[in-house]
């Protein structure tokens, strides 16, 4: 049996976690091959102001970090 924890997130899973984003953003996230857990971590980290750490006590890295950077680039600039 396949371990689903490492499979890439689907388009519908990504949209369910990150909300209403452009198709290009979803495509960029899919290209990272991030798992659903990594997309969720990146989303939580983004909305938590960057203070959320993973279980190892470090900032998200790898695919989760890549997803975070994609999402952060889409956030409106604060004045």
PDB file of N, CA and C in Angstrom:
ATOM      1  N   UNK A   1       0.830  -1.173   0.000  1.00  0.00           N
ATOM      2  CA  UNK A   1       0.000   0.000   0.000  1.00  0.00           C
ATOM      3  C   UNK A   1       0.882   1.248   0.000  1.00  0.00           C
ATOM      4  N   UNK A   2       0.448   2.266  -0.732  1.00  0.00           N
ATOM      5  CA  UNK A   2       1.219   3.492  -0.876  1.00  0.00           C
ATOM      6  C   UNK A   2       1.015   4.422   0.322  1.00  0.00           C
ATOM      7  N   UNK A   3       2.084   5.082   0.721  1.00  0.00           N
ATOM      8  CA  UNK A   3       2.039   6.060   1.799  1.00  0.00           C
ATOM      9  C   UNK A   3       1.577   7.401   1.216  1.00  0.00           C
ATOM     10  N   UNK A   4       0.342   7.818   1.518  1.00  0.00           N
ATOM     11  CA  UNK A   4      -0.204   9.058   0.970  1.00  0.00           C
ATOM     12  C   UNK A   4       0.396  10.315   1.572  1.00  0.00           C
ATOM     13  N   UNK A   5       1.162  10.197   2.649  1.00  0.00           N
ATOM     14  CA  UNK A   5       1.725  11.385   3.280  1.00  0.00           C
ATOM     15  C   UNK A   5       2.791  12.055   2.431  1.00  0.00           C
ATOM     16  N   UNK A   6       3.329  11.347   1.449  1.00  0.00           N
ATOM     17  CA  UNK A   6       4.372  11.938   0.625  1.00  0.00           C
ATOM     18  C   UNK A   6       3.916  12.208  -0.804  1.00  0.00           C
ATOM     19  N   UNK A   7       2.661  11.909  -1.114  1.00  0.00           N
ATOM     20  CA  UNK A   7       2.177  12.174  -2.466  1.00  0.00           C
ATOM     21  C   UNK A   7       1.936  13.662  -2.638  1.00  0.00           C
ATOM     22  N   UNK A   8       2.111  14.184  -3.855  1.00  0.00           N
ATOM     23  CA  UNK A   8       1.860  15.607  -4.084  1.00  0.00           C
ATOM     24  C   UNK A   8       0.381  15.961  -3.878  1.00  0.00           C
ATOM     25  N   UNK A   9       0.143  17.145  -3.393  1.00  0.00           N
ATOM     26  CA  UNK A   9      -1.220  17.635  -3.193  1.00  0.00           C
ATOM     27  C   UNK A   9      -1.906  17.821  -4.542  1.00  0.00           C
ATOM     28  N   UNK A  10      -3.191  17.544  -4.567  1.00  0.00           N
ATOM     29  CA  UNK A  10      -3.974  17.737  -5.786  1.00  0.00           C
ATOM     30  C   UNK A  10      -4.427  19.198  -5.881  1.00  0.00           C
ATOM     31  N   UNK A  11      -4.897  19.564  -7.054  1.00  0.00           N
ATOM     32  CA  UNK A  11      -5.397  20.917  -7.258  1.00  0.00           C
ATOM     33  C   UNK A  11      -6.529  21.232  -6.289  1.00  0.00           C
ATOM     34  N   UNK A  12      -7.461  20.299  -6.118  1.00  0.00           N
ATOM     35  CA  UNK A  12      -8.591  20.571  -5.220  1.00  0.00           C
ATOM     36  C   UNK A  12      -8.132  20.666  -3.763  1.00  0.00           C
ATOM     37  N   UNK A  13      -7.145  19.873  -3.374  1.00  0.00           N
ATOM     38  CA  UNK A  13      -6.614  19.984  -2.007  1.00  0.00           C
ATOM     39  C   UNK A  13      -5.945  21.338  -1.797  1.00  0.00           C
ATOM     40  N   UNK A  14      -5.168  21.766  -2.781  1.00  0.00           N
ATOM     41  CA  UNK A  14      -4.486  23.060  -2.683  1.00  0.00           C
ATOM     42  C   UNK A  14      -5.505  24.176  -2.553  1.00  0.00           C
ATOM     43  N   UNK A  15      -6.504  24.174  -3.423  1.00  0.00           N
ATOM     44  CA  UNK A  15      -7.532  25.222  -3.368  1.00  0.00           C
ATOM     45  C   UNK A  15      -8.281  25.194  -2.042  1.00  0.00           C
ATOM     46  N   UNK A  16      -8.523  24.005  -1.506  1.00  0.00           N
ATOM     47  CA  UNK A  16      -9.211  23.890  -0.234  1.00  0.00           C
ATOM     48  C   UNK A  16      -8.408  24.471   0.920  1.00  0.00           C
ATOM     49  N   UNK A  17      -7.083  24.423   0.816  1.00  0.00           N
ATOM     50  CA  UNK A  17      -6.238  24.924   1.904  1.00  0.00           C
ATOM     51  C   UNK A  17      -5.872  26.390   1.756  1.00  0.00           C
ATOM     52  N   UNK A  18      -5.609  26.827   0.520  1.00  0.00           N
ATOM     53  CA  UNK A  18      -5.122  28.200   0.345  1.00  0.00           C
ATOM     54  C   UNK A  18      -6.219  29.168  -0.056  1.00  0.00           C
ATOM     55  N   UNK A  19      -7.369  28.664  -0.453  1.00  0.00           N
ATOM     56  CA  UNK A  19      -8.478  29.541  -0.806  1.00  0.00           C
ATOM     57  C   UNK A  19      -8.469  29.941  -2.265  1.00  0.00           C
ATOM     58  N   UNK A  20      -9.078  31.078  -2.523  1.00  0.00           N
ATOM     59  CA  UNK A  20      -9.279  31.567  -3.883  1.00  0.00           C
ATOM     60  C   UNK A  20      -7.996  32.224  -4.405  1.00  0.00           C
ATOM     61  N   UNK A  21      -7.241  31.464  -5.174  1.00  0.00           N
ATOM     62  CA  UNK A  21      -6.005  31.985  -5.772  1.00  0.00           C
ATOM     63  C   UNK A  21      -6.043  31.739  -7.271  1.00  0.00           C
ATOM     64  N   UNK A  22      -5.222  32.448  -7.958  1.00  0.00           N
ATOM     65  CA  UNK A  22      -5.078  32.337  -9.401  1.00  0.00           C
ATOM     66  C   UNK A  22      -4.646  30.923  -9.804  1.00  0.00           C
ATOM     67  N   UNK A  23      -5.042  30.503 -10.992  1.00  0.00           N
ATOM     68  CA  UNK A  23      -4.616  29.197 -11.511  1.00  0.00           C
ATOM     69  C   UNK A  23      -3.091  29.096 -11.584  1.00  0.00           C
ATOM     70  N   UNK A  24      -2.428  30.204 -11.888  1.00  0.00           N
ATOM     71  CA  UNK A  24      -0.963  30.198 -11.975  1.00  0.00           C
ATOM     72  C   UNK A  24      -0.329  29.885 -10.621  1.00  0.00           C
ATOM     73  N   UNK A  25      -0.950  30.350  -9.548  1.00  0.00           N
ATOM     74  CA  UNK A  25      -0.434  30.073  -8.205  1.00  0.00           C
ATOM     75  C   UNK A  25      -0.575  28.587  -7.900  1.00  0.00           C
ATOM     76  N   UNK A  26      -1.727  28.020  -8.221  1.00  0.00           N
ATOM     77  CA  UNK A  26      -1.937  26.588  -8.004  1.00  0.00           C
ATOM     78  C   UNK A  26      -0.926  25.781  -8.815  1.00  0.00           C
ATOM     79  N   UNK A  27      -0.704  26.174 -10.058  1.00  0.00           N
ATOM     80  CA  UNK A  27       0.275  25.478 -10.909  1.00  0.00           C
ATOM     81  C   UNK A  27       1.668  25.565 -10.297  1.00  0.00           C
ATOM     82  N   UNK A  28       2.032  26.733  -9.795  1.00  0.00           N
ATOM     83  CA  UNK A  28       3.348  26.896  -9.160  1.00  0.00           C
ATOM     84  C   UNK A  28       3.485  25.994  -7.942  1.00  0.00           C
ATOM     85  N   UNK A  29       2.427  25.927  -7.141  1.00  0.00           N
ATOM     86  CA  UNK A  29       2.462  25.066  -5.955  1.00  0.00           C
ATOM     87  C   UNK A  29       2.554  23.608  -6.367  1.00  0.00           C
ATOM     88  N   UNK A  30       1.801  23.202  -7.379  1.00  0.00           N
ATOM     89  CA  UNK A  30       1.856  21.808  -7.839  1.00  0.00           C
ATOM     90  C   UNK A  30       3.261  21.448  -8.320  1.00  0.00           C
ATOM     91  N   UNK A  31       3.959  22.399  -8.919  1.00  0.00           N
ATOM     92  CA  UNK A  31       5.324  22.137  -9.420  1.00  0.00           C
ATOM     93  C   UNK A  31       6.322  21.873  -8.297  1.00  0.00           C
ATOM     94  N   UNK A  32       5.990  22.254  -7.064  1.00  0.00           N
ATOM     95  CA  UNK A  32       6.892  21.987  -5.941  1.00  0.00           C
ATOM     96  C   UNK A  32       6.803  20.532  -5.484  1.00  0.00           C
ATOM     97  N   UNK A  33       5.745  19.815  -5.926  1.00  0.00           N
ATOM     98  CA  UNK A  33       5.472  18.446  -5.478  1.00  0.00           C
ATOM     99  C   UNK A  33       5.239  18.371  -3.978  1.00  0.00           C
ATOM    100  N   UNK A  34       4.765  19.472  -3.391  1.00  0.00           N
ATOM    101  CA  UNK A  34       4.483  19.494  -1.954  1.00  0.00           C
ATOM    102  C   UNK A  34       3.327  18.558  -1.627  1.00  0.00           C
ATOM    103  N   UNK A  35       3.458  17.874  -0.517  1.00  0.00           N
ATOM    104  CA  UNK A  35       2.385  17.004  -0.034  1.00  0.00           C
ATOM    105  C   UNK A  35       1.278  17.871   0.563  1.00  0.00           C
ATOM    106  N   UNK A  36       0.092  17.303   0.774  1.00  0.00           N
ATOM    107  CA  UNK A  36      -0.951  18.078   1.442  1.00  0.00           C
ATOM    108  C   UNK A  36      -0.485  18.629   2.794  1.00  0.00           C
ATOM    109  N   UNK A  37       0.264  17.852   3.545  1.00  0.00           N
ATOM    110  CA  UNK A  37       0.759  18.309   4.848  1.00  0.00           C
ATOM    111  C   UNK A  37       1.710  19.496   4.693  1.00  0.00           C
ATOM    112  N   UNK A  38       2.533  19.483   3.653  1.00  0.00           N
ATOM    113  CA  UNK A  38       3.463  20.593   3.430  1.00  0.00           C
ATOM    114  C   UNK A  38       2.719  21.858   3.005  1.00  0.00           C
ATOM    115  N   UNK A  39       1.680  21.703   2.176  1.00  0.00           N
ATOM    116  CA  UNK A  39       0.877  22.865   1.774  1.00  0.00           C
ATOM    117  C   UNK A  39       0.181  23.444   3.003  1.00  0.00           C
ATOM    118  N   UNK A  40      -0.361  22.580   3.839  1.00  0.00           N
ATOM    119  CA  UNK A  40      -1.033  23.040   5.054  1.00  0.00           C
ATOM    120  C   UNK A  40      -0.056  23.761   5.977  1.00  0.00           C
ATOM    121  N   UNK A  41       1.122  23.214   6.158  1.00  0.00           N
ATOM    122  CA  UNK A  41       2.130  23.848   7.009  1.00  0.00           C
ATOM    123  C   UNK A  41       2.488  25.231   6.480  1.00  0.00           C
ATOM    124  N   UNK A  42       2.700  25.334   5.181  1.00  0.00           N
ATOM    125  CA  UNK A  42       3.042  26.622   4.575  1.00  0.00           C
ATOM    126  C   UNK A  42       1.923  27.636   4.765  1.00  0.00           C
ATOM    127  N   UNK A  43       0.681  27.178   4.598  1.00  0.00           N
ATOM    128  CA  UNK A  43      -0.476  28.060   4.762  1.00  0.00           C
ATOM    129  C   UNK A  43      -0.597  28.525   6.206  1.00  0.00           C
ATOM    130  N   UNK A  44      -0.433  27.605   7.139  1.00  0.00           N
ATOM    131  CA  UNK A  44      -0.494  27.972   8.559  1.00  0.00           C
ATOM    132  C   UNK A  44       0.631  28.926   8.920  1.00  0.00           C
ATOM    133  N   UNK A  45       1.807  28.670   8.397  1.00  0.00           N
ATOM    134  CA  UNK A  45       2.954  29.522   8.690  1.00  0.00           C
ATOM    135  C   UNK A  45       2.712  30.929   8.161  1.00  0.00           C
ATOM    136  N   UNK A  46       2.151  31.024   6.959  1.00  0.00           N
ATOM    137  CA  UNK A  46       1.865  32.323   6.359  1.00  0.00           C
ATOM    138  C   UNK A  46       0.849  33.092   7.198  1.00  0.00           C
ATOM    139  N   UNK A  47      -0.212  32.457   7.596  1.00  0.00           N
ATOM    140  CA  UNK A  47      -1.269  33.128   8.346  1.00  0.00           C
ATOM    141  C   UNK A  47      -0.923  33.293   9.820  1.00  0.00           C
ATOM    142  N   UNK A  48       0.093  32.570  10.269  1.00  0.00           N
ATOM    143  CA  UNK A  48       0.526  32.707  11.660  1.00  0.00           C
ATOM    144  C   UNK A  48       1.599  33.756  11.831  1.00  0.00           C
ATOM    145  N   UNK A  49       1.936  34.472  10.774  1.00  0.00           N
ATOM    146  CA  UNK A  49       2.923  35.540  10.861  1.00  0.00           C
ATOM    147  C   UNK A  49       4.354  35.052  10.855  1.00  0.00           C
ATOM    148  N   UNK A  50       4.576  33.802  10.450  1.00  0.00           N
ATOM    149  CA  UNK A  50       5.936  33.297  10.350  1.00  0.00           C
ATOM    150  C   UNK A  50       6.468  32.720  11.636  1.00  0.00           C
ATOM    151  N   UNK A  51       5.690  32.692  12.704  1.00  0.00           N
ATOM    152  CA  UNK A  51       6.178  32.186  13.970  1.00  0.00           C
ATOM    153  C   UNK A  51       5.913  30.707  14.191  1.00  0.00           C
ATOM    154  N   UNK A  52       5.118  30.091  13.311  1.00  0.00           N
ATOM    155  CA  UNK A  52       4.795  28.684  13.486  1.00  0.00           C
ATOM    156  C   UNK A  52       5.985  27.830  13.068  1.00  0.00           C
ATOM    157  N   UNK A  53       6.353  26.894  13.938  1.00  0.00           N
ATOM    158  CA  UNK A  53       7.478  26.014  13.632  1.00  0.00           C
ATOM    159  C   UNK A  53       6.987  24.596  13.428  1.00  0.00           C
ATOM    160  N   UNK A  54       7.746  23.816  12.676  1.00  0.00           N
ATOM    161  CA  UNK A  54       7.373  22.419  12.480  1.00  0.00           C
ATOM    162  C   UNK A  54       7.764  21.598  13.701  1.00  0.00           C
ATOM    163  N   UNK A  55       7.455  20.309  13.677  1.00  0.00           N
ATOM    164  CA  UNK A  55       7.702  19.452  14.836  1.00  0.00           C
ATOM    165  C   UNK A  55       9.170  19.413  15.256  1.00  0.00           C
ATOM    166  N   UNK A  56      10.064  19.612  14.320  1.00  0.00           N
ATOM    167  CA  UNK A  56      11.485  19.569  14.644  1.00  0.00           C
ATOM    168  C   UNK A  56      11.964  20.875  15.283  1.00  0.00           C
ATOM    169  N   UNK A  57      11.083  21.876  15.347  1.00  0.00           N
ATOM    170  CA  UNK A  57      11.462  23.141  15.955  1.00  0.00           C
ATOM    171  C   UNK A  57      12.145  24.102  15.007  1.00  0.00           C
ATOM    172  N   UNK A  58      11.979  23.891  13.718  1.00  0.00           N
ATOM    173  CA  UNK A  58      12.598  24.747  12.719  1.00  0.00           C
ATOM    174  C   UNK A  58      11.533  25.323  11.807  1.00  0.00           C
ATOM    175  N   UNK A  59      11.892  26.407  11.143  1.00  0.00           N
ATOM    176  CA  UNK A  59      10.992  26.959  10.146  1.00  0.00           C
ATOM    177  C   UNK A  59      10.795  25.917   9.049  1.00  0.00           C
ATOM    178  N   UNK A  60       9.636  25.968   8.374  1.00  0.00           N
ATOM    179  CA  UNK A  60       9.411  25.033   7.267  1.00  0.00           C
ATOM    180  C   UNK A  60      10.532  25.129   6.232  1.00  0.00           C
ATOM    181  N   UNK A  61      10.850  24.015   5.650  1.00  0.00           N
ATOM    182  CA  UNK A  61      11.918  23.975   4.653  1.00  0.00           C
ATOM    183  C   UNK A  61      11.463  23.104   3.484  1.00  0.00           C
ATOM    184  N   UNK A  62      12.293  23.006   2.476  1.00  0.00           N
ATOM    185  CA  UNK A  62      11.982  22.175   1.323  1.00  0.00           C
ATOM    186  C   UNK A  62      10.735  22.657   0.602  1.00  0.00           C
ATOM    187  N   UNK A  63       9.845  21.715   0.267  1.00  0.00           N
ATOM    188  CA  UNK A  63       8.638  22.041  -0.485  1.00  0.00           C
ATOM    189  C   UNK A  63       7.721  22.974   0.300  1.00  0.00           C
ATOM    190  N   UNK A  64       7.634  22.791   1.618  1.00  0.00           N
ATOM    191  CA  UNK A  64       6.784  23.665   2.433  1.00  0.00           C
ATOM    192  C   UNK A  64       7.282  25.107   2.353  1.00  0.00           C
ATOM    193  N   UNK A  65       8.581  25.287   2.390  1.00  0.00           N
ATOM    194  CA  UNK A  65       9.163  26.630   2.279  1.00  0.00           C
ATOM    195  C   UNK A  65       8.870  27.232   0.909  1.00  0.00           C
ATOM    196  N   UNK A  66       8.984  26.408  -0.154  1.00  0.00           N
ATOM    197  CA  UNK A  66       8.705  26.879  -1.505  1.00  0.00           C
ATOM    198  C   UNK A  66       7.250  27.321  -1.642  1.00  0.00           C
ATOM    199  N   UNK A  67       6.333  26.543  -1.074  1.00  0.00           N
ATOM    200  CA  UNK A  67       4.917  26.908  -1.109  1.00  0.00           C
ATOM    201  C   UNK A  67       4.700  28.203  -0.329  1.00  0.00           C
ATOM    202  N   UNK A  68       5.315  28.312   0.834  1.00  0.00           N
ATOM    203  CA  UNK A  68       5.202  29.540   1.630  1.00  0.00           C
ATOM    204  C   UNK A  68       5.633  30.752   0.802  1.00  0.00           C
ATOM    205  N   UNK A  69       6.750  30.649   0.118  1.00  0.00           N
ATOM    206  CA  UNK A  69       7.259  31.775  -0.661  1.00  0.00           C
ATOM    207  C   UNK A  69       6.326  32.132  -1.809  1.00  0.00           C
ATOM    208  N   UNK A  70       5.717  31.125  -2.437  1.00  0.00           N
ATOM    209  CA  UNK A  70       4.737  31.375  -3.507  1.00  0.00           C
ATOM    210  C   UNK A  70       3.540  32.131  -2.946  1.00  0.00           C
ATOM    211  N   UNK A  71       3.031  31.664  -1.816  1.00  0.00           N
ATOM    212  CA  UNK A  71       1.863  32.297  -1.213  1.00  0.00           C
ATOM    213  C   UNK A  71       2.182  33.690  -0.687  1.00  0.00           C
ATOM    214  N   UNK A  72       3.348  33.860  -0.101  1.00  0.00           N
ATOM    215  CA  UNK A  72       3.747  35.162   0.440  1.00  0.00           C
ATOM    216  C   UNK A  72       3.854  36.200  -0.672  1.00  0.00           C
ATOM    217  N   UNK A  73       4.285  35.785  -1.846  1.00  0.00           N
ATOM    218  CA  UNK A  73       4.403  36.699  -2.974  1.00  0.00           C
ATOM    219  C   UNK A  73       3.037  37.187  -3.441  1.00  0.00           C
ATOM    220  N   UNK A  74       1.988  36.445  -3.131  1.00  0.00           N
ATOM    221  CA  UNK A  74       0.630  36.813  -3.526  1.00  0.00           C
ATOM    222  C   UNK A  74      -0.080  37.681  -2.500  1.00  0.00           C
ATOM    223  N   UNK A  75       0.461  37.772  -1.297  1.00  0.00           N
ATOM    224  CA  UNK A  75      -0.158  38.576  -0.242  1.00  0.00           C
ATOM    225  C   UNK A  75      -0.039  40.060  -0.592  1.00  0.00           C
ATOM    226  N   UNK A  76      -1.090  40.832  -0.321  1.00  0.00           N
ATOM    227  CA  UNK A  76      -1.011  42.281  -0.586  1.00  0.00           C
ATOM    228  C   UNK A  76       0.033  42.927   0.331  1.00  0.00           C
ATOM    229  N   UNK A  77       0.696  43.915  -0.209  1.00  0.00           N
ATOM    230  CA  UNK A  77       1.704  44.654   0.565  1.00  0.00           C
ATOM    231  C   UNK A  77       0.993  45.479   1.641  1.00  0.00           C
ATOM    232  N   UNK A  78       1.540  45.475   2.847  1.00  0.00           N
ATOM    233  CA  UNK A  78       0.993  46.313   3.912  1.00  0.00           C
ATOM    234  C   UNK A  78       1.642  47.686   3.824  1.00  0.00           C
ATOM    235  N   UNK A  79       0.823  48.696   4.029  1.00  0.00           N
ATOM    236  CA  UNK A  79       1.341  50.082   3.956  1.00  0.00           C
ATOM    237  C   UNK A  79       1.849  50.539   5.289  1.00  0.00           C
TER     238      UNK A  79
END
